[in-house]
Amino acid sequence: MPNTPSWDDLGRSGAREANEQFRRNGERDRQLATNDTLREIRDILKAMLDVQHEDVDRYREQAAHNADIARGLMNTVNDREEEIMHLKNEVFNLRERVRMYMQEYQNGE
């Protein structure tokens, strides 16, 4: 009789093959799920990075606007300081004129 496997041998062999196939399918499914999860994480991180870039751009625009305001305020302060110096000179000149008039008045009496 040729060496034919028994039904038990065929059953065990088939069970081993089925288990191996199931294991390979499980590993493939886990790998696919992992890849999907990694893609989702990448997409989320990419979206977060895009939002951060938008925030950075918005902050830069705000900073430039604030710098413009600060320059305008500094120009205003400088203008006011010049006006104050001019007024101080006028006050000094008026005091000198008053002093001279007082001296002339006292000398005239």
PDB file of N, CA and C in Angstrom:
ATOM      1  N   MET A   1       0.836  -1.163   0.000  1.00  0.00           N
ATOM      2  CA  MET A   1       0.000   0.000   0.000  1.00  0.00           C
ATOM      3  C   MET A   1       0.887   1.233   0.000  1.00  0.00           C
ATOM      4  N   PRO A   2       0.562   2.147  -0.915  1.00  0.00           N
ATOM      5  CA  PRO A   2       1.413   3.350  -0.921  1.00  0.00           C
ATOM      6  C   PRO A   2       1.246   4.112   0.383  1.00  0.00           C
ATOM      7  N   ASN A   3       2.209   4.948   0.602  1.00  0.00           N
ATOM      8  CA  ASN A   3       2.227   5.730   1.839  1.00  0.00           C
ATOM      9  C   ASN A   3       1.209   6.870   1.749  1.00  0.00           C
ATOM     10  N   THR A   4      -0.011   6.609   2.036  1.00  0.00           N
ATOM     11  CA  THR A   4      -1.071   7.620   2.006  1.00  0.00           C
ATOM     12  C   THR A   4      -1.314   8.096   3.422  1.00  0.00           C
ATOM     13  N   PRO A   5      -1.486   9.384   3.536  1.00  0.00           N
ATOM     14  CA  PRO A   5      -1.733   9.905   4.887  1.00  0.00           C
ATOM     15  C   PRO A   5      -3.109   9.490   5.380  1.00  0.00           C
ATOM     16  N   SER A   6      -3.195   9.340   6.658  1.00  0.00           N
ATOM     17  CA  SER A   6      -4.479   8.988   7.247  1.00  0.00           C
ATOM     18  C   SER A   6      -5.348  10.241   7.347  1.00  0.00           C
ATOM     19  N   TRP A   7      -6.603  10.002   7.644  1.00  0.00           N
ATOM     20  CA  TRP A   7      -7.518  11.140   7.809  1.00  0.00           C
ATOM     21  C   TRP A   7      -7.051  12.021   8.962  1.00  0.00           C
ATOM     22  N   ASP A   8      -6.481  11.436   9.979  1.00  0.00           N
ATOM     23  CA  ASP A   8      -5.985  12.215  11.120  1.00  0.00           C
ATOM     24  C   ASP A   8      -4.820  13.103  10.696  1.00  0.00           C
ATOM     25  N   ASP A   9      -3.914  12.486   9.903  1.00  0.00           N
ATOM     26  CA  ASP A   9      -2.778  13.275   9.412  1.00  0.00           C
ATOM     27  C   ASP A   9      -3.267  14.426   8.540  1.00  0.00           C
ATOM     28  N   LEU A  10      -4.195  14.117   7.659  1.00  0.00           N
ATOM     29  CA  LEU A  10      -4.737  15.181   6.798  1.00  0.00           C
ATOM     30  C   LEU A  10      -5.416  16.261   7.637  1.00  0.00           C
ATOM     31  N   GLY A  11      -6.128  15.852   8.665  1.00  0.00           N
ATOM     32  CA  GLY A  11      -6.809  16.814   9.538  1.00  0.00           C
ATOM     33  C   GLY A  11      -5.828  17.705  10.267  1.00  0.00           C
ATOM     34  N   ARG A  12      -4.766  17.076  10.805  1.00  0.00           N
ATOM     35  CA  ARG A  12      -3.751  17.877  11.524  1.00  0.00           C
ATOM     36  C   ARG A  12      -3.024  18.797  10.564  1.00  0.00           C
ATOM     37  N   SER A  13      -2.690  18.313   9.416  1.00  0.00           N
ATOM     38  CA  SER A  13      -2.000  19.121   8.411  1.00  0.00           C
ATOM     39  C   SER A  13      -2.885  20.287   7.984  1.00  0.00           C
ATOM     40  N   GLY A  14      -4.143  19.999   7.755  1.00  0.00           N
ATOM     41  CA  GLY A  14      -5.075  21.053   7.363  1.00  0.00           C
ATOM     42  C   GLY A  14      -5.267  22.078   8.470  1.00  0.00           C
ATOM     43  N   ALA A  15      -5.300  21.578   9.699  1.00  0.00           N
ATOM     44  CA  ALA A  15      -5.463  22.489  10.838  1.00  0.00           C
ATOM     45  C   ALA A  15      -4.236  23.385  10.982  1.00  0.00           C
ATOM     46  N   ARG A  16      -3.042  22.797  10.810  1.00  0.00           N
ATOM     47  CA  ARG A  16      -1.817  23.606  10.879  1.00  0.00           C
ATOM     48  C   ARG A  16      -1.810  24.654   9.786  1.00  0.00           C
ATOM     49  N   GLU A  17      -2.173  24.245   8.583  1.00  0.00           N
ATOM     50  CA  GLU A  17      -2.201  25.179   7.453  1.00  0.00           C
ATOM     51  C   GLU A  17      -3.232  26.285   7.692  1.00  0.00           C
ATOM     52  N   ALA A  18      -4.384  25.901   8.204  1.00  0.00           N
ATOM     53  CA  ALA A  18      -5.430  26.894   8.487  1.00  0.00           C
ATOM     54  C   ALA A  18      -4.961  27.861   9.574  1.00  0.00           C
ATOM     55  N   ASN A  19      -4.317  27.313  10.614  1.00  0.00           N
ATOM     56  CA  ASN A  19      -3.793  28.179  11.684  1.00  0.00           C
ATOM     57  C   ASN A  19      -2.743  29.141  11.152  1.00  0.00           C
ATOM     58  N   GLU A  20      -1.850  28.609  10.302  1.00  0.00           N
ATOM     59  CA  GLU A  20      -0.803  29.460   9.715  1.00  0.00           C
ATOM     60  C   GLU A  20      -1.425  30.547   8.857  1.00  0.00           C
ATOM     61  N   GLN A  21      -2.410  30.169   8.039  1.00  0.00           N
ATOM     62  CA  GLN A  21      -3.096  31.151   7.198  1.00  0.00           C
ATOM     63  C   GLN A  21      -3.797  32.202   8.063  1.00  0.00           C
ATOM     64  N   PHE A  22      -4.454  31.767   9.121  1.00  0.00           N
ATOM     65  CA  PHE A  22      -5.148  32.672  10.028  1.00  0.00           C
ATOM     66  C   PHE A  22      -4.152  33.641  10.669  1.00  0.00           C
ATOM     67  N   ARG A  23      -2.986  33.093  11.099  1.00  0.00           N
ATOM     68  CA  ARG A  23      -1.945  33.925  11.700  1.00  0.00           C
ATOM     69  C   ARG A  23      -1.439  34.965  10.704  1.00  0.00           C
ATOM     70  N   ARG A  24      -1.161  34.529   9.458  1.00  0.00           N
ATOM     71  CA  ARG A  24      -0.678  35.464   8.428  1.00  0.00           C
ATOM     72  C   ARG A  24      -1.718  36.542   8.144  1.00  0.00           C
ATOM     73  N   ASN A  25      -2.972  36.125   8.044  1.00  0.00           N
ATOM     74  CA  ASN A  25      -4.049  37.098   7.807  1.00  0.00           C
ATOM     75  C   ASN A  25      -4.164  38.078   8.971  1.00  0.00           C
ATOM     76  N   GLY A  26      -4.024  37.557  10.187  1.00  0.00           N
ATOM     77  CA  GLY A  26      -4.091  38.416  11.373  1.00  0.00           C
ATOM     78  C   GLY A  26      -2.963  39.427  11.380  1.00  0.00           C
ATOM     79  N   GLU A  27      -1.744  38.965  11.053  1.00  0.00           N
ATOM     80  CA  GLU A  27      -0.598  39.874  10.992  1.00  0.00           C
ATOM     81  C   GLU A  27      -0.812  40.929   9.911  1.00  0.00           C
ATOM     82  N   ARG A  28      -1.309  40.492   8.751  1.00  0.00           N
ATOM     83  CA  ARG A  28      -1.569  41.444   7.664  1.00  0.00           C
ATOM     84  C   ARG A  28      -2.623  42.462   8.090  1.00  0.00           C
ATOM     85  N   ASP A  29      -3.681  42.001   8.737  1.00  0.00           N
ATOM     86  CA  ASP A  29      -4.735  42.903   9.203  1.00  0.00           C
ATOM     87  C   ASP A  29      -4.196  43.887  10.239  1.00  0.00           C
ATOM     88  N   ARG A  30      -3.367  43.374  11.150  1.00  0.00           N
ATOM     89  CA  ARG A  30      -2.770  44.266  12.156  1.00  0.00           C
ATOM     90  C   ARG A  30      -1.862  45.292  11.491  1.00  0.00           C
ATOM     91  N   GLN A  31      -1.082  44.845  10.489  1.00  0.00           N
ATOM     92  CA  GLN A  31      -0.187  45.768   9.782  1.00  0.00           C
ATOM     93  C   GLN A  31      -0.997  46.831   9.038  1.00  0.00           C
ATOM     94  N   LEU A  32      -2.078  46.404   8.389  1.00  0.00           N
ATOM     95  CA  LEU A  32      -2.932  47.373   7.686  1.00  0.00           C
ATOM     96  C   LEU A  32      -3.557  48.362   8.663  1.00  0.00           C
ATOM     97  N   ALA A  33      -4.019  47.853   9.795  1.00  0.00           N
ATOM     98  CA  ALA A  33      -4.610  48.729  10.817  1.00  0.00           C
ATOM     99  C   ALA A  33      -3.567  49.701  11.353  1.00  0.00           C
ATOM    100  N   THR A  34      -2.345  49.190  11.552  1.00  0.00           N
ATOM    101  CA  THR A  34      -1.266  50.056  12.030  1.00  0.00           C
ATOM    102  C   THR A  34      -0.964  51.133  10.995  1.00  0.00           C
ATOM    103  N   ASN A  35      -0.894  50.739   9.731  1.00  0.00           N
ATOM    104  CA  ASN A  35      -0.637  51.708   8.668  1.00  0.00           C
ATOM    105  C   ASN A  35      -1.744  52.761   8.607  1.00  0.00           C
ATOM    106  N   ASP A  36      -2.992  52.317   8.730  1.00  0.00           N
ATOM    107  CA  ASP A  36      -4.116  53.263   8.732  1.00  0.00           C
ATOM    108  C   ASP A  36      -4.012  54.225   9.911  1.00  0.00           C
ATOM    109  N   THR A  37      -3.674  53.679  11.070  1.00  0.00           N
ATOM    110  CA  THR A  37      -3.541  54.515  12.266  1.00  0.00           C
ATOM    111  C   THR A  37      -2.413  55.518  12.085  1.00  0.00           C
ATOM    112  N   LEU A  38      -1.295  55.048  11.544  1.00  0.00           N
ATOM    113  CA  LEU A  38      -0.165  55.963  11.312  1.00  0.00           C
ATOM    114  C   LEU A  38      -0.535  57.056  10.318  1.00  0.00           C
ATOM    115  N   ARG A  39      -1.299  56.709   9.281  1.00  0.00           N
ATOM    116  CA  ARG A  39      -1.758  57.716   8.318  1.00  0.00           C
ATOM    117  C   ARG A  39      -2.652  58.747   8.998  1.00  0.00           C
ATOM    118  N   GLU A  40      -3.552  58.253   9.848  1.00  0.00           N
ATOM    119  CA  GLU A  40      -4.446  59.164  10.566  1.00  0.00           C
ATOM    120  C   GLU A  40      -3.659  60.090  11.484  1.00  0.00           C
ATOM    121  N   ILE A  41      -2.678  59.537  12.183  1.00  0.00           N
ATOM    122  CA  ILE A  41      -1.837  60.357  13.063  1.00  0.00           C
ATOM    123  C   ILE A  41      -1.072  61.385  12.246  1.00  0.00           C
ATOM    124  N   ARG A  42      -0.512  60.954  11.106  1.00  0.00           N
ATOM    125  CA  ARG A  42       0.211  61.884  10.238  1.00  0.00           C
ATOM    126  C   ARG A  42      -0.704  63.012   9.773  1.00  0.00           C
ATOM    127  N   ASP A  43      -1.931  62.670   9.361  1.00  0.00           N
ATOM    128  CA  ASP A  43      -2.879  63.683   8.895  1.00  0.00           C
ATOM    129  C   ASP A  43      -3.233  64.667   9.998  1.00  0.00           C
ATOM    130  N   ILE A  44      -3.420  64.140  11.211  1.00  0.00           N
ATOM    131  CA  ILE A  44      -3.733  65.010  12.348  1.00  0.00           C
ATOM    132  C   ILE A  44      -2.567  65.953  12.641  1.00  0.00           C
ATOM    133  N   LEU A  45      -1.356  65.397  12.659  1.00  0.00           N
ATOM    134  CA  LEU A  45      -0.173  66.233  12.917  1.00  0.00           C
ATOM    135  C   LEU A  45       0.013  67.284  11.824  1.00  0.00           C
ATOM    136  N   LYS A  46      -0.245  66.886  10.588  1.00  0.00           N
ATOM    137  CA  LYS A  46      -0.134  67.820   9.469  1.00  0.00           C
ATOM    138  C   LYS A  46      -1.141  68.954   9.625  1.00  0.00           C
ATOM    139  N   ALA A  47      -2.364  68.611  10.006  1.00  0.00           N
ATOM    140  CA  ALA A  47      -3.395  69.635  10.215  1.00  0.00           C
ATOM    141  C   ALA A  47      -3.004  70.560  11.362  1.00  0.00           C
ATOM    142  N   MET A  48      -2.460  69.985  12.435  1.00  0.00           N
ATOM    143  CA  MET A  48      -2.020  70.809  13.567  1.00  0.00           C
ATOM    144  C   MET A  48      -0.898  71.744  13.142  1.00  0.00           C
ATOM    145  N   LEU A  49       0.020  71.253  12.335  1.00  0.00           N
ATOM    146  CA  LEU A  49       1.123  72.067  11.857  1.00  0.00           C
ATOM    147  C   LEU A  49       0.615  73.198  10.970  1.00  0.00           C
ATOM    148  N   ASP A  50      -0.360  72.893  10.118  1.00  0.00           N
ATOM    149  CA  ASP A  50      -0.958  73.933   9.276  1.00  0.00           C
ATOM    150  C   ASP A  50      -1.586  75.020  10.127  1.00  0.00           C
ATOM    151  N   VAL A  51      -2.295  74.620  11.185  1.00  0.00           N
ATOM    152  CA  VAL A  51      -2.921  75.598  12.084  1.00  0.00           C
ATOM    153  C   VAL A  51      -1.843  76.433  12.764  1.00  0.00           C
ATOM    154  N   GLN A  52      -0.759  75.792  13.182  1.00  0.00           N
ATOM    155  CA  GLN A  52       0.321  76.537  13.831  1.00  0.00           C
ATOM    156  C   GLN A  52       0.951  77.525  12.861  1.00  0.00           C
ATOM    157  N   HIS A  53       1.109  77.132  11.596  1.00  0.00           N
ATOM    158  CA  HIS A  53       1.658  78.056  10.599  1.00  0.00           C
ATOM    159  C   HIS A  53       0.722  79.241  10.424  1.00  0.00           C
ATOM    160  N   GLU A  54      -0.585  78.980  10.402  1.00  0.00           N
ATOM    161  CA  GLU A  54      -1.550  80.078  10.295  1.00  0.00           C
ATOM    162  C   GLU A  54      -1.446  80.999  11.505  1.00  0.00           C
ATOM    163  N   ASP A  55      -1.295  80.400  12.701  1.00  0.00           N
ATOM    164  CA  ASP A  55      -1.143  81.199  13.919  1.00  0.00           C
ATOM    165  C   ASP A  55       0.112  82.051  13.845  1.00  0.00           C
ATOM    166  N   VAL A  56       1.225  81.460  13.396  1.00  0.00           N
ATOM    167  CA  VAL A  56       2.487  82.194  13.279  1.00  0.00           C
ATOM    168  C   VAL A  56       2.322  83.361  12.306  1.00  0.00           C
ATOM    169  N   ASP A  57       1.682  83.101  11.174  1.00  0.00           N
ATOM    170  CA  ASP A  57       1.461  84.177  10.207  1.00  0.00           C
ATOM    171  C   ASP A  57       0.610  85.280  10.808  1.00  0.00           C
ATOM    172  N   ARG A  58      -0.426  84.902  11.532  1.00  0.00           N
ATOM    173  CA  ARG A  58      -1.308  85.886  12.164  1.00  0.00           C
ATOM    174  C   ARG A  58      -0.530  86.684  13.220  1.00  0.00           C
ATOM    175  N   TYR A  59       0.313  85.994  14.013  1.00  0.00           N
ATOM    176  CA  TYR A  59       1.113  86.686  15.027  1.00  0.00           C
ATOM    177  C   TYR A  59       2.112  87.636  14.369  1.00  0.00           C
ATOM    178  N   ARG A  60       2.689  87.229  13.256  1.00  0.00           N
ATOM    179  CA  ARG A  60       3.627  88.109  12.546  1.00  0.00           C
ATOM    180  C   ARG A  60       2.918  89.364  12.048  1.00  0.00           C
ATOM    181  N   GLU A  61       1.733  89.171  11.477  1.00  0.00           N
ATOM    182  CA  GLU A  61       0.958  90.316  11.004  1.00  0.00           C
ATOM    183  C   GLU A  61       0.613  91.248  12.160  1.00  0.00           C
ATOM    184  N   GLN A  62       0.218  90.671  13.282  1.00  0.00           N
ATOM    185  CA  GLN A  62      -0.123  91.479  14.461  1.00  0.00           C
ATOM    186  C   GLN A  62       1.114  92.205  14.975  1.00  0.00           C
ATOM    187  N   ALA A  63       2.247  91.517  14.987  1.00  0.00           N
ATOM    188  CA  ALA A  63       3.491  92.142  15.453  1.00  0.00           C
ATOM    189  C   ALA A  63       3.879  93.305  14.537  1.00  0.00           C
ATOM    190  N   ALA A  64       3.737  93.127  13.232  1.00  0.00           N
ATOM    191  CA  ALA A  64       4.058  94.206  12.292  1.00  0.00           C
ATOM    192  C   ALA A  64       3.113  95.385  12.516  1.00  0.00           C
ATOM    193  N   HIS A  65       1.837  95.088  12.734  1.00  0.00           N
ATOM    194  CA  HIS A  65       0.854  96.143  13.002  1.00  0.00           C
ATOM    195  C   HIS A  65       1.208  96.881  14.303  1.00  0.00           C
ATOM    196  N   ASN A  66       1.560  96.108  15.333  1.00  0.00           N
ATOM    197  CA  ASN A  66       1.947  96.718  16.605  1.00  0.00           C
ATOM    198  C   ASN A  66       3.206  97.570  16.457  1.00  0.00           C
ATOM    199  N   ALA A  67       4.151  97.101  15.638  1.00  0.00           N
ATOM    200  CA  ALA A  67       5.372  97.882  15.405  1.00  0.00           C
ATOM    201  C   ALA A  67       5.037  99.198  14.701  1.00  0.00           C
ATOM    202  N   ASP A  68       4.113  99.157  13.755  1.00  0.00           N
ATOM    203  CA  ASP A  68       3.677 100.393  13.081  1.00  0.00           C
ATOM    204  C   ASP A  68       3.057 101.363  14.082  1.00  0.00           C
ATOM    205  N   ILE A  69       2.224 100.829  14.964  1.00  0.00           N
ATOM    206  CA  ILE A  69       1.591 101.673  15.985  1.00  0.00           C
ATOM    207  C   ILE A  69       2.662 102.271  16.900  1.00  0.00           C
ATOM    208  N   ALA A  70       3.632 101.446  17.311  1.00  0.00           N
ATOM    209  CA  ALA A  70       4.701 101.920  18.194  1.00  0.00           C
ATOM    210  C   ALA A  70       5.520 103.014  17.511  1.00  0.00           C
ATOM    211  N   ARG A  71       5.818 102.830  16.218  1.00  0.00           N
ATOM    212  CA  ARG A  71       6.568 103.872  15.494  1.00  0.00           C
ATOM    213  C   ARG A  71       5.763 105.165  15.443  1.00  0.00           C
ATOM    214  N   GLY A  72       4.464 105.040  15.176  1.00  0.00           N
ATOM    215  CA  GLY A  72       3.609 106.222  15.145  1.00  0.00           C
ATOM    216  C   GLY A  72       3.580 106.934  16.485  1.00  0.00           C
ATOM    217  N   LEU A  73       3.494 106.158  17.562  1.00  0.00           N
ATOM    218  CA  LEU A  73       3.492 106.750  18.901  1.00  0.00           C
ATOM    219  C   LEU A  73       4.830 107.425  19.208  1.00  0.00           C
ATOM    220  N   MET A  74       5.913 106.793  18.817  1.00  0.00           N
ATOM    221  CA  MET A  74       7.233 107.401  19.046  1.00  0.00           C
ATOM    222  C   MET A  74       7.371 108.700  18.267  1.00  0.00           C
ATOM    223  N   ASN A  75       6.868 108.715  17.030  1.00  0.00           N
ATOM    224  CA  ASN A  75       6.903 109.955  16.250  1.00  0.00           C
ATOM    225  C   ASN A  75       6.086 111.045  16.935  1.00  0.00           C
ATOM    226  N   THR A  76       4.923 110.666  17.470  1.00  0.00           N
ATOM    227  CA  THR A  76       4.079 111.626  18.182  1.00  0.00           C
ATOM    228  C   THR A  76       4.802 112.149  19.419  1.00  0.00           C
ATOM    229  N   VAL A  77       5.440 111.239  20.164  1.00  0.00           N
ATOM    230  CA  VAL A  77       6.188 111.647  21.356  1.00  0.00           C
ATOM    231  C   VAL A  77       7.312 112.600  20.963  1.00  0.00           C
ATOM    232  N   ASN A  78       8.041 112.269  19.905  1.00  0.00           N
ATOM    233  CA  ASN A  78       9.131 113.139  19.464  1.00  0.00           C
ATOM    234  C   ASN A  78       8.602 114.517  19.052  1.00  0.00           C
ATOM    235  N   ASP A  79       7.468 114.526  18.338  1.00  0.00           N
ATOM    236  CA  ASP A  79       6.868 115.807  17.951  1.00  0.00           C
ATOM    237  C   ASP A  79       6.481 116.613  19.183  1.00  0.00           C
ATOM    238  N   ARG A  80       5.888 115.965  20.163  1.00  0.00           N
ATOM    239  CA  ARG A  80       5.474 116.666  21.391  1.00  0.00           C
ATOM    240  C   ARG A  80       6.681 117.184  22.149  1.00  0.00           C
ATOM    241  N   GLU A  81       7.748 116.399  22.181  1.00  0.00           N
ATOM    242  CA  GLU A  81       8.969 116.858  22.860  1.00  0.00           C
ATOM    243  C   GLU A  81       9.524 118.102  22.185  1.00  0.00           C
ATOM    244  N   GLU A  82       9.485 118.129  20.848  1.00  0.00           N
ATOM    245  CA  GLU A  82       9.943 119.316  20.122  1.00  0.00           C
ATOM    246  C   GLU A  82       9.059 120.521  20.445  1.00  0.00           C
ATOM    247  N   GLU A  83       7.746 120.279  20.490  1.00  0.00           N
ATOM    248  CA  GLU A  83       6.823 121.365  20.837  1.00  0.00           C
ATOM    249  C   GLU A  83       7.089 121.871  22.248  1.00  0.00           C
ATOM    250  N   ILE A  84       7.339 120.949  23.181  1.00  0.00           N
ATOM    251  CA  ILE A  84       7.628 121.332  24.570  1.00  0.00           C
ATOM    252  C   ILE A  84       8.904 122.159  24.627  1.00  0.00           C
ATOM    253  N   MET A  85       9.941 121.746  23.895  1.00  0.00           N
ATOM    254  CA  MET A  85      11.201 122.504  23.879  1.00  0.00           C
ATOM    255  C   MET A  85      10.970 123.897  23.299  1.00  0.00           C
ATOM    256  N   HIS A  86      10.184 123.983  22.251  1.00  0.00           N
ATOM    257  CA  HIS A  86       9.874 125.278  21.645  1.00  0.00           C
ATOM    258  C   HIS A  86       9.137 126.165  22.657  1.00  0.00           C
ATOM    259  N   LEU A  87       8.147 125.597  23.365  1.00  0.00           N
ATOM    260  CA  LEU A  87       7.400 126.360  24.372  1.00  0.00           C
ATOM    261  C   LEU A  87       8.303 126.781  25.530  1.00  0.00           C
ATOM    262  N   LYS A  88       9.211 125.909  25.943  1.00  0.00           N
ATOM    263  CA  LYS A  88      10.150 126.271  27.010  1.00  0.00           C
ATOM    264  C   LYS A  88      11.009 127.453  26.583  1.00  0.00           C
ATOM    265  N   ASN A  89      11.450 127.429  25.319  1.00  0.00           N
ATOM    266  CA  ASN A  89      12.247 128.555  24.810  1.00  0.00           C
ATOM    267  C   ASN A  89      11.426 129.838  24.796  1.00  0.00           C
ATOM    268  N   GLU A  90      10.166 129.717  24.388  1.00  0.00           N
ATOM    269  CA  GLU A  90       9.299 130.893  24.381  1.00  0.00           C
ATOM    270  C   GLU A  90       9.104 131.427  25.796  1.00  0.00           C
ATOM    271  N   VAL A  91       8.892 130.544  26.762  1.00  0.00           N
ATOM    272  CA  VAL A  91       8.732 130.960  28.161  1.00  0.00           C
ATOM    273  C   VAL A  91      10.002 131.646  28.640  1.00  0.00           C
ATOM    274  N   PHE A  92      11.151 131.060  28.322  1.00  0.00           N
ATOM    275  CA  PHE A  92      12.417 131.663  28.719  1.00  0.00           C
ATOM    276  C   PHE A  92      12.551 133.066  28.119  1.00  0.00           C
ATOM    277  N   ASN A  93      12.241 133.182  26.827  1.00  0.00           N
ATOM    278  CA  ASN A  93      12.341 134.483  26.159  1.00  0.00           C
ATOM    279  C   ASN A  93      11.375 135.497  26.781  1.00  0.00           C
ATOM    280  N   LEU A  94      10.155 135.035  27.096  1.00  0.00           N
ATOM    281  CA  LEU A  94       9.186 135.938  27.729  1.00  0.00           C
ATOM    282  C   LEU A  94       9.663 136.381  29.111  1.00  0.00           C
ATOM    283  N   ARG A  95      10.232 135.484  29.871  1.00  0.00           N
ATOM    284  CA  ARG A  95      10.766 135.842  31.188  1.00  0.00           C
ATOM    285  C   ARG A  95      11.879 136.881  31.053  1.00  0.00           C
ATOM    286  N   GLU A  96      12.729 136.650  30.069  1.00  0.00           N
ATOM    287  CA  GLU A  96      13.817 137.612  29.832  1.00  0.00           C
ATOM    288  C   GLU A  96      13.249 138.985  29.466  1.00  0.00           C
ATOM    289  N   ARG A  97      12.230 138.989  28.618  1.00  0.00           N
ATOM    290  CA  ARG A  97      11.616 140.265  28.236  1.00  0.00           C
ATOM    291  C   ARG A  97      10.966 140.938  29.439  1.00  0.00           C
ATOM    292  N   VAL A  98      10.272 140.126  30.265  1.00  0.00           N
ATOM    293  CA  VAL A  98       9.651 140.680  31.479  1.00  0.00           C
ATOM    294  C   VAL A  98      10.736 141.235  32.398  1.00  0.00           C
ATOM    295  N   ARG A  99      11.818 140.504  32.571  1.00  0.00           N
ATOM    296  CA  ARG A  99      12.921 140.970  33.418  1.00  0.00           C
ATOM    297  C   ARG A  99      13.487 142.268  32.888  1.00  0.00           C
ATOM    298  N   MET A 100      13.659 142.346  31.547  1.00  0.00           N
ATOM    299  CA  MET A 100      14.197 143.580  30.955  1.00  0.00           C
ATOM    300  C   MET A 100      13.208 144.738  31.149  1.00  0.00           C
ATOM    301  N   TYR A 101      11.914 144.489  30.938  1.00  0.00           N
ATOM    302  CA  TYR A 101      10.909 145.538  31.146  1.00  0.00           C
ATOM    303  C   TYR A 101      10.896 145.994  32.602  1.00  0.00           C
ATOM    304  N   MET A 102      11.041 145.045  33.529  1.00  0.00           N
ATOM    305  CA  MET A 102      11.051 145.391  34.947  1.00  0.00           C
ATOM    306  C   MET A 102      12.263 146.242  35.272  1.00  0.00           C
ATOM    307  N   GLN A 103      13.392 145.886  34.673  1.00  0.00           N
ATOM    308  CA  GLN A 103      14.611 146.665  34.910  1.00  0.00           C
ATOM    309  C   GLN A 103      14.440 148.081  34.334  1.00  0.00           C
ATOM    310  N   GLU A 104      13.902 148.164  33.119  1.00  0.00           N
ATOM    311  CA  GLU A 104      13.690 149.485  32.511  1.00  0.00           C
ATOM    312  C   GLU A 104      12.693 150.294  33.357  1.00  0.00           C
ATOM    313  N   TYR A 105      11.675 149.644  33.846  1.00  0.00           N
ATOM    314  CA  TYR A 105      10.660 150.315  34.651  1.00  0.00           C
ATOM    315  C   TYR A 105      11.279 150.857  35.939  1.00  0.00           C
ATOM    316  N   GLN A 106      12.113 149.983  36.587  1.00  0.00           N
ATOM    317  CA  GLN A 106      12.744 150.404  37.840  1.00  0.00           C
ATOM    318  C   GLN A 106      13.756 151.501  37.594  1.00  0.00           C
ATOM    319  N   ASN A 107      14.480 151.421  36.498  1.00  0.00           N
ATOM    320  CA  ASN A 107      15.459 152.450  36.173  1.00  0.00           C
ATOM    321  C   ASN A 107      14.774 153.745  35.748  1.00  0.00           C
ATOM    322  N   GLY A 108      13.598 153.622  35.164  1.00  0.00           N
ATOM    323  CA  GLY A 108      12.858 154.794  34.696  1.00  0.00           C
ATOM    324  C   GLY A 108      12.217 155.545  35.834  1.00  0.00           C
ATOM    325  N   GLU A 109      11.952 154.918  36.949  1.00  0.00           N
ATOM    326  CA  GLU A 109      11.303 155.629  38.043  1.00  0.00           C
ATOM    327  C   GLU A 109      12.212 156.424  38.859  1.00  0.00           C
TER     328      GLU A 109
END
